[in-house]
Structures are given as C-alpha cells and as structure tokens.
Amino acid sequence: MKKRFTEEQIIGFLREAEAGMPVAQLCRKYAFSEASYYLWRNKFGGMNVSEAKRLKELETENARLKKLLAETMLENEIAKEALRKKW
C-alpha cells in the first residue's frame, strides 16, 4: 500500500503545528484530515526523522519475524500430524 506522505513529511507537519499553526489550517494546507493529524501525532509525536525511520525498520522486522514464527509453527504442526498418523 502506497502512503501519500512520508515519515519525514508527517514529522514536518507535526513540527508546524507545534510552532503554532492551527491544526485545521495545517490540514487544509496539505490536504489531510484532522483525524490523520491526531493519529500521526500519537504515533510520531516528539520523534525526529531518524527515530521515525528506525521505528519503521523495527515494524518491518517485527512483521517478518511474526511471519517466520507462524510458518515454523505450521510446519511443526504438520510434522506432528504426520507422526500421529504413522503410528
């Protein structure tokens, strides 16, 4: 899924709001909803760009590890089922 804004852009938007720009005006200027702003603020508030990039890397790695775990658990279950049928 392609996102409209990068983490760098989002952090820039949050910085503008912190500098005093009203949220409604910021949303109109860059064409996103206030709901998106508040979601981003909860996720990225107080972060700098390098921290946001690190967060994204960790989320990607976590997803990869979860997939590996699920595949391994499935393989183990298949092996147990095969052993049960053998005897």
PDB file of N, CA and C in Angstrom:
ATOM      1  N   MET A   1       0.844  -1.180   0.000  1.00  0.00           N
ATOM      2  CA  MET A   1       0.000   0.000   0.000  1.00  0.00           C
ATOM      3  C   MET A   1       0.891   1.245   0.000  1.00  0.00           C
ATOM      4  N   LYS A   2       0.664   2.141  -0.910  1.00  0.00           N
ATOM      5  CA  LYS A   2       1.424   3.377  -1.032  1.00  0.00           C
ATOM      6  C   LYS A   2       0.806   4.444  -0.142  1.00  0.00           C
ATOM      7  N   LYS A   3       1.643   5.049   0.668  1.00  0.00           N
ATOM      8  CA  LYS A   3       1.157   6.111   1.535  1.00  0.00           C
ATOM      9  C   LYS A   3       1.389   7.453   0.849  1.00  0.00           C
ATOM     10  N   ARG A   4       0.500   8.392   1.111  1.00  0.00           N
ATOM     11  CA  ARG A   4       0.605   9.704   0.482  1.00  0.00           C
ATOM     12  C   ARG A   4       1.754  10.529   1.033  1.00  0.00           C
ATOM     13  N   PHE A   5       2.057  10.347   2.321  1.00  0.00           N
ATOM     14  CA  PHE A   5       3.078  11.165   2.954  1.00  0.00           C
ATOM     15  C   PHE A   5       4.144  10.285   3.593  1.00  0.00           C
ATOM     16  N   THR A   6       5.391  10.730   3.500  1.00  0.00           N
ATOM     17  CA  THR A   6       6.493  10.007   4.126  1.00  0.00           C
ATOM     18  C   THR A   6       6.556  10.378   5.605  1.00  0.00           C
ATOM     19  N   GLU A   7       7.318   9.598   6.351  1.00  0.00           N
ATOM     20  CA  GLU A   7       7.501   9.914   7.764  1.00  0.00           C
ATOM     21  C   GLU A   7       8.117  11.304   7.929  1.00  0.00           C
ATOM     22  N   GLU A   8       9.035  11.648   7.029  1.00  0.00           N
ATOM     23  CA  GLU A   8       9.671  12.961   7.096  1.00  0.00           C
ATOM     24  C   GLU A   8       8.644  14.082   6.933  1.00  0.00           C
ATOM     25  N   GLN A   9       7.743  13.915   5.977  1.00  0.00           N
ATOM     26  CA  GLN A   9       6.709  14.924   5.760  1.00  0.00           C
ATOM     27  C   GLN A   9       5.783  15.028   6.969  1.00  0.00           C
ATOM     28  N   ILE A  10       5.388  13.886   7.495  1.00  0.00           N
ATOM     29  CA  ILE A  10       4.488  13.874   8.648  1.00  0.00           C
ATOM     30  C   ILE A  10       5.122  14.579   9.834  1.00  0.00           C
ATOM     31  N   ILE A  11       6.382  14.290  10.088  1.00  0.00           N
ATOM     32  CA  ILE A  11       7.070  14.948  11.200  1.00  0.00           C
ATOM     33  C   ILE A  11       7.156  16.451  10.948  1.00  0.00           C
ATOM     34  N   GLY A  12       7.340  16.831   9.692  1.00  0.00           N
ATOM     35  CA  GLY A  12       7.323  18.252   9.342  1.00  0.00           C
ATOM     36  C   GLY A  12       5.978  18.894   9.653  1.00  0.00           C
ATOM     37  N   PHE A  13       4.882  18.200   9.341  1.00  0.00           N
ATOM     38  CA  PHE A  13       3.549  18.717   9.649  1.00  0.00           C
ATOM     39  C   PHE A  13       3.392  18.898  11.155  1.00  0.00           C
ATOM     40  N   LEU A  14       3.833  17.900  11.907  1.00  0.00           N
ATOM     41  CA  LEU A  14       3.719  17.973  13.370  1.00  0.00           C
ATOM     42  C   LEU A  14       4.532  19.139  13.924  1.00  0.00           C
ATOM     43  N   ARG A  15       5.703  19.374  13.349  1.00  0.00           N
ATOM     44  CA  ARG A  15       6.540  20.500  13.787  1.00  0.00           C
ATOM     45  C   ARG A  15       5.841  21.840  13.511  1.00  0.00           C
ATOM     46  N   GLU A  16       5.175  21.938  12.350  1.00  0.00           N
ATOM     47  CA  GLU A  16       4.449  23.172  12.029  1.00  0.00           C
ATOM     48  C   GLU A  16       3.346  23.422  13.045  1.00  0.00           C
ATOM     49  N   ALA A  17       2.641  22.369  13.436  1.00  0.00           N
ATOM     50  CA  ALA A  17       1.578  22.520  14.433  1.00  0.00           C
ATOM     51  C   ALA A  17       2.169  22.924  15.785  1.00  0.00           C
ATOM     52  N   GLU A  18       3.318  22.331  16.136  1.00  0.00           N
ATOM     53  CA  GLU A  18       3.978  22.688  17.392  1.00  0.00           C
ATOM     54  C   GLU A  18       4.438  24.145  17.382  1.00  0.00           C
ATOM     55  N   ALA A  19       4.771  24.641  16.192  1.00  0.00           N
ATOM     56  CA  ALA A  19       5.233  26.025  16.062  1.00  0.00           C
ATOM     57  C   ALA A  19       4.082  27.026  16.134  1.00  0.00           C
ATOM     58  N   GLY A  20       2.840  26.526  16.174  1.00  0.00           N
ATOM     59  CA  GLY A  20       1.723  27.430  16.357  1.00  0.00           C
ATOM     60  C   GLY A  20       0.686  27.468  15.244  1.00  0.00           C
ATOM     61  N   MET A  21       0.908  26.740  14.168  1.00  0.00           N
ATOM     62  CA  MET A  21      -0.099  26.744  13.102  1.00  0.00           C
ATOM     63  C   MET A  21      -1.323  25.965  13.576  1.00  0.00           C
ATOM     64  N   PRO A  22      -2.519  26.533  13.447  1.00  0.00           N
ATOM     65  CA  PRO A  22      -3.729  25.805  13.848  1.00  0.00           C
ATOM     66  C   PRO A  22      -3.878  24.507  13.044  1.00  0.00           C
ATOM     67  N   VAL A  23      -4.332  23.465  13.720  1.00  0.00           N
ATOM     68  CA  VAL A  23      -4.451  22.150  13.092  1.00  0.00           C
ATOM     69  C   VAL A  23      -5.364  22.200  11.869  1.00  0.00           C
ATOM     70  N   ALA A  24      -6.495  22.885  11.978  1.00  0.00           N
ATOM     71  CA  ALA A  24      -7.436  22.954  10.846  1.00  0.00           C
ATOM     72  C   ALA A  24      -6.770  23.598   9.630  1.00  0.00           C
ATOM     73  N   GLN A  25      -6.006  24.649   9.858  1.00  0.00           N
ATOM     74  CA  GLN A  25      -5.313  25.333   8.756  1.00  0.00           C
ATOM     75  C   GLN A  25      -4.240  24.423   8.150  1.00  0.00           C
ATOM     76  N   LEU A  26      -3.504  23.727   8.993  1.00  0.00           N
ATOM     77  CA  LEU A  26      -2.479  22.797   8.533  1.00  0.00           C
ATOM     78  C   LEU A  26      -3.096  21.695   7.665  1.00  0.00           C
ATOM     79  N   CYS A  27      -4.240  21.180   8.105  1.00  0.00           N
ATOM     80  CA  CYS A  27      -4.931  20.116   7.366  1.00  0.00           C
ATOM     81  C   CYS A  27      -5.390  20.604   5.989  1.00  0.00           C
ATOM     82  N   ARG A  28      -5.915  21.809   5.944  1.00  0.00           N
ATOM     83  CA  ARG A  28      -6.340  22.360   4.647  1.00  0.00           C
ATOM     84  C   ARG A  28      -5.146  22.594   3.733  1.00  0.00           C
ATOM     85  N   LYS A  29      -4.071  23.128   4.297  1.00  0.00           N
ATOM     86  CA  LYS A  29      -2.881  23.463   3.507  1.00  0.00           C
ATOM     87  C   LYS A  29      -2.302  22.230   2.806  1.00  0.00           C
ATOM     88  N   TYR A  30      -2.251  21.101   3.516  1.00  0.00           N
ATOM     89  CA  TYR A  30      -1.623  19.900   2.958  1.00  0.00           C
ATOM     90  C   TYR A  30      -2.628  18.817   2.563  1.00  0.00           C
ATOM     91  N   ALA A  31      -3.911  19.095   2.689  1.00  0.00           N
ATOM     92  CA  ALA A  31      -4.993  18.202   2.248  1.00  0.00           C
ATOM     93  C   ALA A  31      -4.987  16.844   2.947  1.00  0.00           C
ATOM     94  N   PHE A  32      -5.059  16.865   4.265  1.00  0.00           N
ATOM     95  CA  PHE A  32      -5.296  15.646   5.025  1.00  0.00           C
ATOM     96  C   PHE A  32      -6.286  15.959   6.138  1.00  0.00           C
ATOM     97  N   SER A  33      -6.862  14.924   6.715  1.00  0.00           N
ATOM     98  CA  SER A  33      -7.913  15.120   7.706  1.00  0.00           C
ATOM     99  C   SER A  33      -7.324  15.379   9.096  1.00  0.00           C
ATOM    100  N   GLU A  34      -8.142  15.976   9.945  1.00  0.00           N
ATOM    101  CA  GLU A  34      -7.714  16.179  11.324  1.00  0.00           C
ATOM    102  C   GLU A  34      -7.515  14.838  12.020  1.00  0.00           C
ATOM    103  N   ALA A  35      -8.328  13.850  11.647  1.00  0.00           N
ATOM    104  CA  ALA A  35      -8.163  12.509  12.227  1.00  0.00           C
ATOM    105  C   ALA A  35      -6.764  11.965  11.912  1.00  0.00           C
ATOM    106  N   SER A  36      -6.317  12.171  10.671  1.00  0.00           N
ATOM    107  CA  SER A  36      -4.967  11.727  10.300  1.00  0.00           C
ATOM    108  C   SER A  36      -3.924  12.451  11.134  1.00  0.00           C
ATOM    109  N   TYR A  37      -4.097  13.745  11.310  1.00  0.00           N
ATOM    110  CA  TYR A  37      -3.153  14.522  12.119  1.00  0.00           C
ATOM    111  C   TYR A  37      -3.026  13.933  13.521  1.00  0.00           C
ATOM    112  N   TYR A  38      -4.164  13.650  14.153  1.00  0.00           N
ATOM    113  CA  TYR A  38      -4.122  13.145  15.530  1.00  0.00           C
ATOM    114  C   TYR A  38      -3.562  11.732  15.603  1.00  0.00           C
ATOM    115  N   LEU A  39      -3.828  10.914  14.589  1.00  0.00           N
ATOM    116  CA  LEU A  39      -3.206   9.580  14.538  1.00  0.00           C
ATOM    117  C   LEU A  39      -1.691   9.705  14.421  1.00  0.00           C
ATOM    118  N   TRP A  40      -1.251  10.589  13.527  1.00  0.00           N
ATOM    119  CA  TRP A  40       0.194  10.806  13.350  1.00  0.00           C
ATOM    120  C   TRP A  40       0.824  11.357  14.620  1.00  0.00           C
ATOM    121  N   ARG A  41       0.128  12.277  15.263  1.00  0.00           N
ATOM    122  CA  ARG A  41       0.676  12.877  16.483  1.00  0.00           C
ATOM    123  C   ARG A  41       0.859  11.802  17.548  1.00  0.00           C
ATOM    124  N   ASN A  42      -0.108  10.874  17.643  1.00  0.00           N
ATOM    125  CA  ASN A  42       0.027   9.793  18.618  1.00  0.00           C
ATOM    126  C   ASN A  42       1.192   8.872  18.280  1.00  0.00           C
ATOM    127  N   LYS A  43       1.409   8.635  16.987  1.00  0.00           N
ATOM    128  CA  LYS A  43       2.467   7.713  16.579  1.00  0.00           C
ATOM    129  C   LYS A  43       3.845   8.369  16.546  1.00  0.00           C
ATOM    130  N   PHE A  44       3.919   9.577  15.997  1.00  0.00           N
ATOM    131  CA  PHE A  44       5.216  10.210  15.752  1.00  0.00           C
ATOM    132  C   PHE A  44       5.517  11.413  16.645  1.00  0.00           C
ATOM    133  N   GLY A  45       4.584  11.802  17.500  1.00  0.00           N
ATOM    134  CA  GLY A  45       4.778  12.996  18.316  1.00  0.00           C
ATOM    135  C   GLY A  45       6.067  12.937  19.111  1.00  0.00           C
ATOM    136  N   GLY A  46       6.871  13.969  19.017  1.00  0.00           N
ATOM    137  CA  GLY A  46       8.131  14.044  19.750  1.00  0.00           C
ATOM    138  C   GLY A  46       9.295  13.315  19.094  1.00  0.00           C
ATOM    139  N   MET A  47       9.067  12.680  17.965  1.00  0.00           N
ATOM    140  CA  MET A  47      10.150  11.963  17.283  1.00  0.00           C
ATOM    141  C   MET A  47      10.837  12.867  16.275  1.00  0.00           C
ATOM    142  N   ASN A  48      12.093  12.545  16.020  1.00  0.00           N
ATOM    143  CA  ASN A  48      12.747  13.187  14.885  1.00  0.00           C
ATOM    144  C   ASN A  48      12.754  12.195  13.725  1.00  0.00           C
ATOM    145  N   VAL A  49      13.239  12.611  12.583  1.00  0.00           N
ATOM    146  CA  VAL A  49      13.158  11.791  11.373  1.00  0.00           C
ATOM    147  C   VAL A  49      13.905  10.470  11.528  1.00  0.00           C
ATOM    148  N   SER A  50      15.089  10.492  12.137  1.00  0.00           N
ATOM    149  CA  SER A  50      15.852   9.244  12.266  1.00  0.00           C
ATOM    150  C   SER A  50      15.145   8.256  13.184  1.00  0.00           C
ATOM    151  N   GLU A  51      14.481   8.751  14.217  1.00  0.00           N
ATOM    152  CA  GLU A  51      13.724   7.861  15.106  1.00  0.00           C
ATOM    153  C   GLU A  51      12.530   7.250  14.372  1.00  0.00           C
ATOM    154  N   ALA A  52      11.877   8.038  13.538  1.00  0.00           N
ATOM    155  CA  ALA A  52      10.733   7.527  12.774  1.00  0.00           C
ATOM    156  C   ALA A  52      11.191   6.456  11.781  1.00  0.00           C
ATOM    157  N   LYS A  53      12.335   6.676  11.147  1.00  0.00           N
ATOM    158  CA  LYS A  53      12.863   5.668  10.218  1.00  0.00           C
ATOM    159  C   LYS A  53      13.200   4.385  10.968  1.00  0.00           C
ATOM    160  N   ARG A  54      13.780   4.517  12.147  1.00  0.00           N
ATOM    161  CA  ARG A  54      14.116   3.340  12.961  1.00  0.00           C
ATOM    162  C   ARG A  54      12.851   2.597  13.372  1.00  0.00           C
ATOM    163  N   LEU A  55      11.795   3.340  13.737  1.00  0.00           N
ATOM    164  CA  LEU A  55      10.520   2.726  14.087  1.00  0.00           C
ATOM    165  C   LEU A  55       9.985   1.907  12.910  1.00  0.00           C
ATOM    166  N   LYS A  56      10.050   2.481  11.718  1.00  0.00           N
ATOM    167  CA  LYS A  56       9.558   1.776  10.533  1.00  0.00           C
ATOM    168  C   LYS A  56      10.370   0.508  10.289  1.00  0.00           C
ATOM    169  N   GLU A  57      11.698   0.586  10.451  1.00  0.00           N
ATOM    170  CA  GLU A  57      12.552  -0.595  10.279  1.00  0.00           C
ATOM    171  C   GLU A  57      12.181  -1.680  11.282  1.00  0.00           C
ATOM    172  N   LEU A  58      11.947  -1.275  12.527  1.00  0.00           N
ATOM    173  CA  LEU A  58      11.589  -2.245  13.563  1.00  0.00           C
ATOM    174  C   LEU A  58      10.224  -2.873  13.296  1.00  0.00           C
ATOM    175  N   GLU A  59       9.274  -2.081  12.817  1.00  0.00           N
ATOM    176  CA  GLU A  59       7.951  -2.620  12.489  1.00  0.00           C
ATOM    177  C   GLU A  59       8.046  -3.626  11.349  1.00  0.00           C
ATOM    178  N   THR A  60       8.874  -3.332  10.349  1.00  0.00           N
ATOM    179  CA  THR A  60       9.071  -4.249   9.220  1.00  0.00           C
ATOM    180  C   THR A  60       9.725  -5.542   9.693  1.00  0.00           C
ATOM    181  N   GLU A  61      10.751  -5.416  10.520  1.00  0.00           N
ATOM    182  CA  GLU A  61      11.440  -6.602  11.049  1.00  0.00           C
ATOM    183  C   GLU A  61      10.492  -7.436  11.914  1.00  0.00           C
ATOM    184  N   ASN A  62       9.684  -6.769  12.716  1.00  0.00           N
ATOM    185  CA  ASN A  62       8.723  -7.471  13.567  1.00  0.00           C
ATOM    186  C   ASN A  62       7.726  -8.267  12.722  1.00  0.00           C
ATOM    187  N   ALA A  63       7.229  -7.671  11.643  1.00  0.00           N
ATOM    188  CA  ALA A  63       6.297  -8.361  10.756  1.00  0.00           C
ATOM    189  C   ALA A  63       6.963  -9.587  10.124  1.00  0.00           C
ATOM    190  N   ARG A  64       8.220  -9.432   9.717  1.00  0.00           N
ATOM    191  CA  ARG A  64       8.955 -10.545   9.109  1.00  0.00           C
ATOM    192  C   ARG A  64       9.131 -11.685  10.115  1.00  0.00           C
ATOM    193  N   LEU A  65       9.479 -11.341  11.349  1.00  0.00           N
ATOM    194  CA  LEU A  65       9.670 -12.366  12.376  1.00  0.00           C
ATOM    195  C   LEU A  65       8.362 -13.068  12.738  1.00  0.00           C
ATOM    196  N   LYS A  66       7.269 -12.312  12.772  1.00  0.00           N
ATOM    197  CA  LYS A  66       5.964 -12.922  13.052  1.00  0.00           C
ATOM    198  C   LYS A  66       5.593 -13.919  11.960  1.00  0.00           C
ATOM    199  N   LYS A  67       5.888 -13.569  10.716  1.00  0.00           N
ATOM    200  CA  LYS A  67       5.603 -14.466   9.594  1.00  0.00           C
ATOM    201  C   LYS A  67       6.442 -15.735   9.706  1.00  0.00           C
ATOM    202  N   LEU A  68       7.735 -15.573  10.024  1.00  0.00           N
ATOM    203  CA  LEU A  68       8.603 -16.740  10.187  1.00  0.00           C
ATOM    204  C   LEU A  68       8.100 -17.644  11.302  1.00  0.00           C
ATOM    205  N   LEU A  69       7.685 -17.055  12.414  1.00  0.00           N
ATOM    206  CA  LEU A  69       7.173 -17.834  13.534  1.00  0.00           C
ATOM    207  C   LEU A  69       5.924 -18.609  13.121  1.00  0.00           C
ATOM    208  N   ALA A  70       5.009 -17.946  12.437  1.00  0.00           N
ATOM    209  CA  ALA A  70       3.779 -18.614  12.001  1.00  0.00           C
ATOM    210  C   ALA A  70       4.092 -19.771  11.060  1.00  0.00           C
ATOM    211  N   GLU A  71       5.022 -19.563  10.130  1.00  0.00           N
ATOM    212  CA  GLU A  71       5.396 -20.631   9.198  1.00  0.00           C
ATOM    213  C   GLU A  71       6.020 -21.807   9.932  1.00  0.00           C
ATOM    214  N   THR A  72       6.886 -21.513  10.907  1.00  0.00           N
ATOM    215  CA  THR A  72       7.545 -22.568  11.678  1.00  0.00           C
ATOM    216  C   THR A  72       6.532 -23.347  12.504  1.00  0.00           C
ATOM    217  N   MET A  73       5.599 -22.639  13.117  1.00  0.00           N
ATOM    218  CA  MET A  73       4.569 -23.313  13.913  1.00  0.00           C
ATOM    219  C   MET A  73       3.707 -24.218  13.026  1.00  0.00           C
ATOM    220  N   LEU A  74       3.399 -23.754  11.828  1.00  0.00           N
ATOM    221  CA  LEU A  74       2.613 -24.562  10.894  1.00  0.00           C
ATOM    222  C   LEU A  74       3.386 -25.808  10.488  1.00  0.00           C
ATOM    223  N   GLU A  75       4.669 -25.652  10.178  1.00  0.00           N
ATOM    224  CA  GLU A  75       5.495 -26.812   9.810  1.00  0.00           C
ATOM    225  C   GLU A  75       5.564 -27.818  10.949  1.00  0.00           C
ATOM    226  N   ASN A  76       5.697 -27.319  12.186  1.00  0.00           N
ATOM    227  CA  ASN A  76       5.740 -28.212  13.352  1.00  0.00           C
ATOM    228  C   ASN A  76       4.426 -28.975  13.505  1.00  0.00           C
ATOM    229  N   GLU A  77       3.326 -28.278  13.320  1.00  0.00           N
ATOM    230  CA  GLU A  77       2.007 -28.906  13.433  1.00  0.00           C
ATOM    231  C   GLU A  77       1.828 -29.985  12.365  1.00  0.00           C
ATOM    232  N   ILE A  78       2.287 -29.702  11.151  1.00  0.00           N
ATOM    233  CA  ILE A  78       2.202 -30.686  10.063  1.00  0.00           C
ATOM    234  C   ILE A  78       3.045 -31.918  10.391  1.00  0.00           C
ATOM    235  N   ALA A  79       4.236 -31.690  10.923  1.00  0.00           N
ATOM    236  CA  ALA A  79       5.117 -32.810  11.287  1.00  0.00           C
ATOM    237  C   ALA A  79       4.485 -33.653  12.394  1.00  0.00           C
ATOM    238  N   LYS A  80       3.897 -33.012  13.394  1.00  0.00           N
ATOM    239  CA  LYS A  80       3.240 -33.754  14.491  1.00  0.00           C
ATOM    240  C   LYS A  80       2.072 -34.575  13.943  1.00  0.00           C
ATOM    241  N   GLU A  81       1.306 -33.994  13.051  1.00  0.00           N
ATOM    242  CA  GLU A  81       0.169 -34.696  12.465  1.00  0.00           C
ATOM    243  C   GLU A  81       0.641 -35.913  11.672  1.00  0.00           C
ATOM    244  N   ALA A  82       1.728 -35.744  10.940  1.00  0.00           N
ATOM    245  CA  ALA A  82       2.272 -36.862  10.140  1.00  0.00           C
ATOM    246  C   ALA A  82       2.756 -37.981  11.062  1.00  0.00           C
ATOM    247  N   LEU A  83       3.386 -37.627  12.177  1.00  0.00           N
ATOM    248  CA  LEU A  83       3.872 -38.646  13.114  1.00  0.00           C
ATOM    249  C   LEU A  83       2.717 -39.377  13.781  1.00  0.00           C
ATOM    250  N   ARG A  84       1.648 -38.689  14.094  1.00  0.00           N
ATOM    251  CA  ARG A  84       0.484 -39.314  14.717  1.00  0.00           C
ATOM    252  C   ARG A  84      -0.146 -40.336  13.770  1.00  0.00           C
ATOM    253  N   LYS A  85      -0.196 -40.048  12.503  1.00  0.00           N
ATOM    254  CA  LYS A  85      -0.818 -40.948  11.541  1.00  0.00           C
ATOM    255  C   LYS A  85       0.051 -42.178  11.272  1.00  0.00           C
ATOM    256  N   LYS A  86       1.348 -42.026  11.457  1.00  0.00           N
ATOM    257  CA  LYS A  86       2.283 -43.126  11.185  1.00  0.00           C
ATOM    258  C   LYS A  86       2.100 -44.260  12.170  1.00  0.00           C
ATOM    259  N   TRP A  87       1.840 -43.961  13.397  1.00  0.00           N
ATOM    260  CA  TRP A  87       1.793 -44.991  14.421  1.00  0.00           C
ATOM    261  C   TRP A  87       0.414 -45.445  14.563  1.00  0.00           C
TER     262      TRP A  87
END
